[in-house]
Protein backbone atom coordinates (compact mmCIF):
# COMPACT_ATOMS: atom_id res chain seq x y z
CA MET A 1 57.68 203.43 9.98
CA SER A 2 54.63 201.94 11.58
CA ASP A 3 53.75 198.92 9.47
CA HIS A 4 50.05 199.26 10.19
CA PHE A 5 50.25 202.53 8.32
CA THR A 6 52.80 201.22 5.83
CA ARG A 7 50.63 198.32 4.76
CA ARG A 8 47.72 200.61 3.98
CA SER A 9 50.06 202.81 1.99
CA LEU A 10 51.44 199.85 0.11
CA ILE A 11 47.98 198.68 -0.87
CA ARG A 12 47.15 202.19 -2.06
CA GLY A 13 50.39 202.09 -4.06
CA ILE A 14 49.29 199.27 -6.33
CA THR A 15 48.92 200.68 -9.80
CA ALA A 16 46.68 199.77 -12.68
CA ALA A 17 49.62 197.99 -14.28
CA THR A 18 49.38 195.29 -11.59
CA ALA A 19 45.62 194.87 -11.70
CA VAL A 20 45.78 191.40 -13.22
CA ALA A 21 48.21 190.16 -10.60
CA THR A 22 46.17 191.80 -7.86
CA LEU A 23 43.00 190.08 -9.03
CA ALA A 24 44.65 186.69 -9.17
CA THR A 25 46.07 187.08 -5.67
CA GLY A 26 42.79 188.32 -4.30
CA LEU A 27 41.20 184.98 -5.13
CA ALA A 28 43.09 183.44 -2.22
CA ALA A 29 41.45 183.18 1.19
CA CYS A 30 41.84 186.53 2.88
CA GLY A 31 42.03 185.39 6.49
CA GLY A 32 44.28 182.35 6.30
CA ASP A 33 47.47 181.26 4.69
CA SER A 34 48.34 179.86 1.29
CA ASP A 35 51.10 177.49 0.25
CA ALA A 36 50.15 177.36 -3.42
CA ALA A 37 52.71 178.32 -6.04
CA THR A 38 55.01 180.08 -3.60
CA THR A 39 58.27 178.51 -4.75
CA THR A 40 60.19 178.68 -7.99
CA LYS A 41 62.43 175.99 -9.40
CA ASP A 42 66.13 176.80 -9.58
CA SER A 43 69.10 174.71 -10.52
CA ALA A 44 71.36 173.65 -7.66
CA GLY A 45 73.44 176.53 -6.37
CA THR A 46 71.48 179.18 -8.28
CA VAL A 47 68.66 181.49 -7.21
CA THR A 48 66.95 183.44 -9.99
CA VAL A 49 65.51 186.71 -8.73
CA GLY A 50 62.86 188.73 -10.54
CA GLN A 51 61.10 185.77 -12.13
CA PHE A 52 57.58 186.39 -13.43
CA SER A 53 57.82 190.01 -12.25
CA ASN A 54 55.90 191.50 -15.20
CA GLY A 55 58.64 194.06 -15.81
CA ALA A 56 59.03 195.08 -12.17
CA ALA A 57 62.50 193.52 -12.01
CA LYS A 58 65.31 192.40 -14.26
CA GLU A 59 65.48 188.59 -14.07
CA THR A 60 68.92 187.76 -12.70
CA ALA A 61 70.48 184.38 -11.89
CA LEU A 62 72.68 184.51 -8.77
CA LYS A 63 75.08 181.83 -7.57
CA VAL A 64 74.60 180.96 -3.91
CA ALA A 65 75.65 177.91 -1.93
CA GLU A 66 75.55 176.76 1.68
CA VAL A 67 78.13 178.31 3.98
CA LYS A 68 78.62 175.62 6.60
CA SER A 69 80.11 177.95 9.22
CA ILE A 70 76.84 179.93 9.09
CA SER A 71 74.40 177.03 8.77
CA ALA A 72 76.05 175.49 11.83
CA GLU A 73 74.64 178.38 13.86
CA LEU A 74 71.05 177.37 13.14
CA PRO A 75 68.89 175.94 15.93
CA ASP A 76 68.95 172.14 15.76
CA ALA A 77 65.24 171.82 14.93
CA VAL A 78 65.50 174.15 11.94
CA ARG A 79 68.71 172.62 10.62
CA LYS A 80 67.34 169.08 10.91
CA SER A 81 64.08 170.04 9.17
CA GLY A 82 66.06 170.97 6.07
CA LYS A 83 63.81 173.91 5.26
CA LEU A 84 63.29 177.55 6.12
CA VAL A 85 59.60 178.40 6.44
CA ILE A 86 59.19 182.02 5.32
CA GLY A 87 56.18 184.19 6.04
CA SER A 88 54.88 186.76 3.55
CA GLY A 89 52.09 189.07 4.73
CA THR A 90 50.81 189.87 1.25
CA LEU A 91 47.30 188.39 1.17
CA PRO A 92 44.87 189.26 -0.23
CA SER A 93 45.95 191.84 -2.80
CA GLY A 94 49.73 191.72 -3.02
CA SER A 95 52.14 194.62 -2.74
CA PRO A 96 54.47 195.22 -5.71
CA PRO A 97 57.42 195.07 -5.70
CA LEU A 98 57.60 193.41 -2.27
CA GLY A 99 55.35 190.42 -2.87
CA PHE A 100 52.71 189.70 -5.50
CA VAL A 101 51.45 187.00 -7.85
CA GLY A 102 53.65 186.92 -10.92
CA SER A 103 52.89 187.14 -14.61
CA ASP A 104 52.28 183.38 -14.78
CA GLN A 105 49.22 184.02 -12.56
CA LYS A 106 50.35 181.50 -9.93
CA THR A 107 53.88 182.10 -8.63
CA LEU A 108 54.59 184.41 -5.71
CA THR A 109 57.30 186.82 -6.78
CA GLY A 110 58.74 189.94 -5.20
CA SER A 111 61.87 191.44 -3.71
CA GLU A 112 61.23 190.14 -0.18
CA THR A 113 60.68 186.55 -1.26
CA ASP A 114 63.76 186.65 -3.46
CA LEU A 115 66.02 187.76 -0.60
CA ALA A 116 64.55 185.06 1.63
CA ARG A 117 65.40 182.44 -1.01
CA LEU A 118 68.98 183.73 -1.21
CA VAL A 119 69.30 183.59 2.58
CA ALA A 120 67.93 180.04 2.61
CA GLY A 121 70.59 179.11 0.07
CA VAL A 122 73.40 180.36 2.33
CA LEU A 123 71.85 178.43 5.24
CA GLY A 124 71.62 175.24 3.16
CA LEU A 125 67.84 175.09 3.60
CA GLU A 126 64.96 174.63 1.17
CA PRO A 127 62.79 177.79 1.16
CA GLU A 128 59.09 177.26 1.79
CA VAL A 129 56.94 180.38 1.59
CA LYS A 130 53.59 180.71 3.31
CA ARG A 131 51.33 183.67 2.50
CA PHE A 132 49.17 185.36 5.11
CA THR A 133 47.22 188.51 5.66
CA TRP A 134 49.38 191.06 7.47
CA GLU A 135 47.89 190.35 10.89
CA ASN A 136 48.06 186.57 10.51
CA LEU A 137 51.72 186.71 9.52
CA PHE A 138 52.60 187.51 13.13
CA VAL A 139 50.23 184.81 14.37
CA GLY A 140 52.17 182.40 12.17
CA ILE A 141 55.49 183.47 13.69
CA ASP A 142 54.07 183.30 17.23
CA SER A 143 52.69 179.79 16.69
CA GLY A 144 55.84 178.42 15.10
CA LYS A 145 54.10 177.86 11.78
CA VAL A 146 56.65 180.26 10.29
CA ASN A 147 60.37 180.46 11.07
CA VAL A 148 60.89 183.98 9.82
CA GLY A 149 58.96 186.83 8.24
CA PHE A 150 60.41 188.58 5.19
CA SER A 151 57.63 191.07 4.54
CA ASN A 152 58.72 194.72 4.86
CA ILE A 153 58.59 194.45 8.66
CA THR A 154 59.95 197.48 10.48
CA ASP A 155 62.30 196.97 13.41
CA THR A 156 60.57 198.63 16.40
CA GLU A 157 61.26 198.62 20.13
CA GLU A 158 57.67 197.54 20.74
CA ARG A 159 58.10 194.46 18.54
CA LYS A 160 61.30 193.50 20.34
CA LYS A 161 59.13 192.41 23.25
CA LYS A 162 58.09 189.40 21.13
CA TYR A 163 60.49 189.16 18.18
CA GLU A 164 64.15 189.27 17.21
CA PHE A 165 65.47 190.96 14.10
CA ALA A 166 68.14 190.77 11.39
CA SER A 167 68.07 194.01 9.41
CA TYR A 168 68.47 194.02 5.63
CA ARG A 169 67.05 197.19 4.06
CA LYS A 170 66.48 200.83 4.93
CA ASP A 171 62.92 201.76 5.86
CA ASP A 172 62.66 204.91 3.80
CA LEU A 173 60.00 207.19 2.45
CA ALA A 174 60.50 208.80 -0.93
CA PHE A 175 59.35 211.77 -2.96
CA GLU A 176 58.32 210.94 -6.51
CA THR A 177 58.21 213.66 -9.16
CA LEU A 178 58.03 213.84 -12.91
CA LYS A 179 61.38 213.01 -14.47
CA THR A 180 61.45 216.49 -15.99
CA SER A 181 61.22 218.18 -12.56
CA LYS A 182 64.30 219.98 -11.27
CA TRP A 183 63.10 219.88 -7.67
CA SER A 184 64.72 217.50 -5.21
CA PHE A 185 64.54 216.80 -1.49
CA ASP A 186 67.82 216.68 0.44
CA GLY A 187 66.40 216.08 3.92
CA ASP A 188 65.75 219.76 4.68
CA TYR A 189 62.03 220.46 4.97
CA GLU A 190 62.63 224.08 3.94
CA VAL A 191 62.76 223.02 0.27
CA LEU A 192 59.05 222.15 0.54
CA ALA A 193 58.06 225.79 0.90
CA GLY A 194 55.67 226.74 -1.89
CA LYS A 195 55.18 223.14 -3.03
CA THR A 196 52.05 221.01 -3.31
CA VAL A 197 52.54 217.42 -2.19
CA SER A 198 50.18 214.44 -2.08
CA VAL A 199 50.31 211.86 0.69
CA GLY A 200 48.13 208.99 1.90
CA ALA A 201 45.74 209.85 4.73
CA GLY A 202 46.38 208.14 8.05
CA THR A 203 49.92 207.08 7.15
CA ASN A 204 53.23 207.61 8.90
CA GLN A 205 54.38 209.73 5.96
CA GLU A 206 51.36 211.98 6.42
CA ARG A 207 52.37 212.54 10.05
CA ILE A 208 55.89 213.55 9.01
CA LEU A 209 54.66 215.78 6.16
CA LEU A 210 52.12 217.57 8.39
CA ASP A 211 54.84 218.19 10.97
CA TRP A 212 56.91 219.89 8.27
CA LYS A 213 53.85 221.85 7.18
CA THR A 214 53.40 223.16 10.74
CA LYS A 215 57.04 224.19 10.97
CA LEU A 216 56.83 226.07 7.68
CA GLU A 217 53.63 227.84 8.76
CA LYS A 218 55.42 229.10 11.88
CA GLU A 219 58.00 230.62 9.52
CA GLY A 220 55.29 232.24 7.40
CA LYS A 221 55.74 229.75 4.56
CA LYS A 222 53.20 227.52 2.86
CA LEU A 223 53.15 223.82 2.06
CA THR A 224 49.96 222.54 0.44
CA VAL A 225 49.01 218.92 1.17
CA LYS A 226 46.51 217.17 -1.09
CA TYR A 227 44.74 213.85 -0.72
CA PHE A 228 43.39 211.49 -3.37
CA GLN A 229 41.34 208.31 -3.17
CA ASP A 230 43.69 206.08 -5.14
CA SER A 231 47.00 205.86 -6.98
CA PRO A 232 45.62 206.57 -10.47
CA SER A 233 44.21 209.86 -9.15
CA ILE A 234 47.54 210.77 -7.55
CA TYR A 235 49.46 210.16 -10.74
CA LEU A 236 46.90 211.98 -12.86
CA ALA A 237 47.43 215.00 -10.61
CA LEU A 238 51.22 214.62 -10.85
CA ASN A 239 51.14 214.33 -14.64
CA SER A 240 48.89 217.38 -14.98
CA GLY A 241 50.95 219.55 -12.65
CA LYS A 242 48.31 219.79 -9.90
CA ILE A 243 50.86 218.46 -7.43
CA ASP A 244 54.64 218.78 -7.43
CA ALA A 245 55.43 215.50 -5.71
CA TYR A 246 54.03 212.42 -4.03
CA LEU A 247 55.41 211.20 -0.68
CA GLY A 248 55.10 207.46 -0.08
CA PRO A 249 56.99 204.24 0.81
CA SER A 250 60.24 204.06 -1.14
CA PRO A 251 59.89 200.52 -2.59
CA ASN A 252 56.45 201.18 -4.01
CA LEU A 253 57.44 204.48 -5.57
CA SER A 254 60.59 202.93 -7.01
CA TYR A 255 58.39 200.24 -8.51
CA HIS A 256 56.16 202.88 -10.12
CA VAL A 257 59.25 204.59 -11.57
CA THR A 258 60.13 201.36 -13.39
CA GLN A 259 56.58 201.12 -14.76
CA THR A 260 56.65 204.65 -16.21
CA ALA A 261 60.22 204.62 -17.55
CA SER A 262 59.25 204.22 -21.21
CA THR A 263 56.10 206.36 -21.09
CA PRO A 264 55.58 210.07 -21.81
CA ASN A 265 54.95 210.58 -18.09
CA ALA A 266 58.18 209.08 -16.76
CA THR A 267 58.85 209.75 -13.08
CA LYS A 268 61.85 209.66 -10.77
CA ILE A 269 62.73 209.44 -7.08
CA ALA A 270 63.57 213.00 -6.03
CA GLY A 271 64.76 212.25 -2.50
CA GLN A 272 64.38 209.89 0.44
CA TYR A 273 63.80 210.24 4.17
CA SER A 274 63.89 207.76 7.03
CA GLY A 275 60.49 206.47 8.05
CA ALA A 276 61.67 206.73 11.66
CA GLY A 277 62.27 210.47 11.37
CA ALA A 278 65.35 212.67 11.50
CA SER A 279 66.96 211.10 14.58
CA LEU A 280 67.03 207.45 13.48
CA GLN A 281 67.39 205.48 10.28
CA GLY A 282 64.42 203.12 10.09
CA LEU A 283 65.25 199.54 9.17
CA ILE A 284 63.38 196.64 7.61
CA ALA A 285 64.30 193.30 9.14
CA ALA A 286 63.86 189.56 8.93
CA THR A 287 61.64 188.80 11.92
CA ALA A 288 61.68 185.66 14.05
CA LYS A 289 60.18 184.72 17.41
CA LYS A 290 62.16 186.13 20.33
CA ASP A 291 64.83 183.73 21.64
CA SER A 292 64.38 181.48 18.61
CA GLY A 293 68.11 181.62 17.93
CA LEU A 294 67.51 182.60 14.31
CA ALA A 295 68.49 186.26 14.26
CA LYS A 296 72.26 185.71 14.27
CA PRO A 297 72.44 183.08 11.51
CA LEU A 298 70.01 185.17 9.45
CA ALA A 299 72.17 188.29 9.89
CA ASP A 300 75.34 186.35 9.11
CA ALA A 301 73.75 184.95 5.95
CA ILE A 302 72.66 188.43 4.84
CA ASN A 303 76.14 189.80 5.54
CA TYR A 304 77.63 186.98 3.46
CA LEU A 305 75.38 188.05 0.58
CA ILE A 306 76.43 191.69 1.10
CA ASP A 307 80.14 190.85 1.16
CA ASN A 308 79.95 188.59 -1.91
CA GLY A 309 77.85 190.84 -4.15
CA GLN A 310 74.56 188.94 -4.40
CA TYR A 311 72.83 191.45 -2.14
CA ALA A 312 73.67 194.42 -4.39
CA LYS A 313 72.58 192.49 -7.48
CA TRP A 314 69.29 191.53 -5.79
CA LEU A 315 68.56 195.19 -4.98
CA ALA A 316 69.57 196.33 -8.46
CA ALA A 317 67.32 193.74 -10.08
CA TRP A 318 64.33 195.23 -8.22
CA ASN A 319 65.43 198.88 -8.65
CA LEU A 320 65.88 199.22 -4.87
CA SER A 321 69.57 200.07 -4.69
CA ASN A 322 68.80 203.29 -2.80
CA ASP A 323 67.51 201.17 0.09
CA ALA A 324 70.80 199.30 0.66
CA VAL A 325 72.38 198.91 4.09
CA SER A 326 76.11 198.38 4.61
CA LYS A 327 75.56 195.46 6.99
CA SER A 328 72.89 193.38 8.67
CA GLU A 329 72.58 193.87 12.41
CA VAL A 330 70.96 191.75 15.10
CA ASN A 331 68.31 193.75 16.96
CA PRO A 332 69.58 197.23 15.99
CA PRO A 333 67.91 200.31 17.53
CA GLY A 334 64.32 200.37 16.30
CA LEU A 335 61.45 202.79 16.04
CA PRO A 336 61.08 204.15 19.61
CA LEU A 337 58.17 203.12 21.82
CA THR A 338 56.85 206.69 21.60
CA ASN A 339 56.61 206.36 17.80
CA SER A 340 55.71 202.69 17.31
């Protein structure tokens, strides 16, 4: 999906449960970058994912060590530096579960940062995370201030003009319903007939939903689309039965599901759909400067984590197992130029 739209959706997806973390993160300078409290201390050979996540993840210690056949593929300058500088485009307000200030009010936590730390472990490098606004993340990559972005970046053909990619997660949208709902989405827009669905205005998911609405209208069927100013209003409408479902970015909705699990208004993911549309599975990818020589070692490190089980445990810890890919690819087909 278009990340300009996705980022706005992600910000809208922050719930009241993360207000404290959001406030703490917002104190950082909005336009620049921040190095403060972006690393966590692990024992040698262990990366603990889900630390300080305020219930968003299950804290899990994962064994990971350098794989010399993979680290040997790194560009000389990166290997000799001994560190992997990772960019996170989560200033100023954070984006649970992808990247946000943790419950200790100082440490950057999140699913994206955790995977980057695991990858750094395979590459035998010390992870160093720098936080930026979304726009300045790419400036950081362009300038060499950052080696690689791990920040929910969609692989697109437009971005391939400047960047190279190593995919690691599906770029999916999701429908969230009350847990008691029997409705589900299987990829066929016909099941939306007669339903009322909320979506964020100006987002990629709105474009897809309105396209389905038009198709249903041509068949004499009705899909009602409703808009709300913020997430609390959306979930109030869902809880009261004013809407049947909410369509939004899969990671954020999965995060909300974890937050409601023990409440009277528990929700569930009722179906997913590629953010790139019916013809292509959208992919989220580690993003480095084009011709940097980083994409292949990054992909090989991710595939090592997939083959040895750490990848699945990382996703499970963050309740993102539905977003798993079977393998990491270097520069796979991305969102077409006509839809970027």
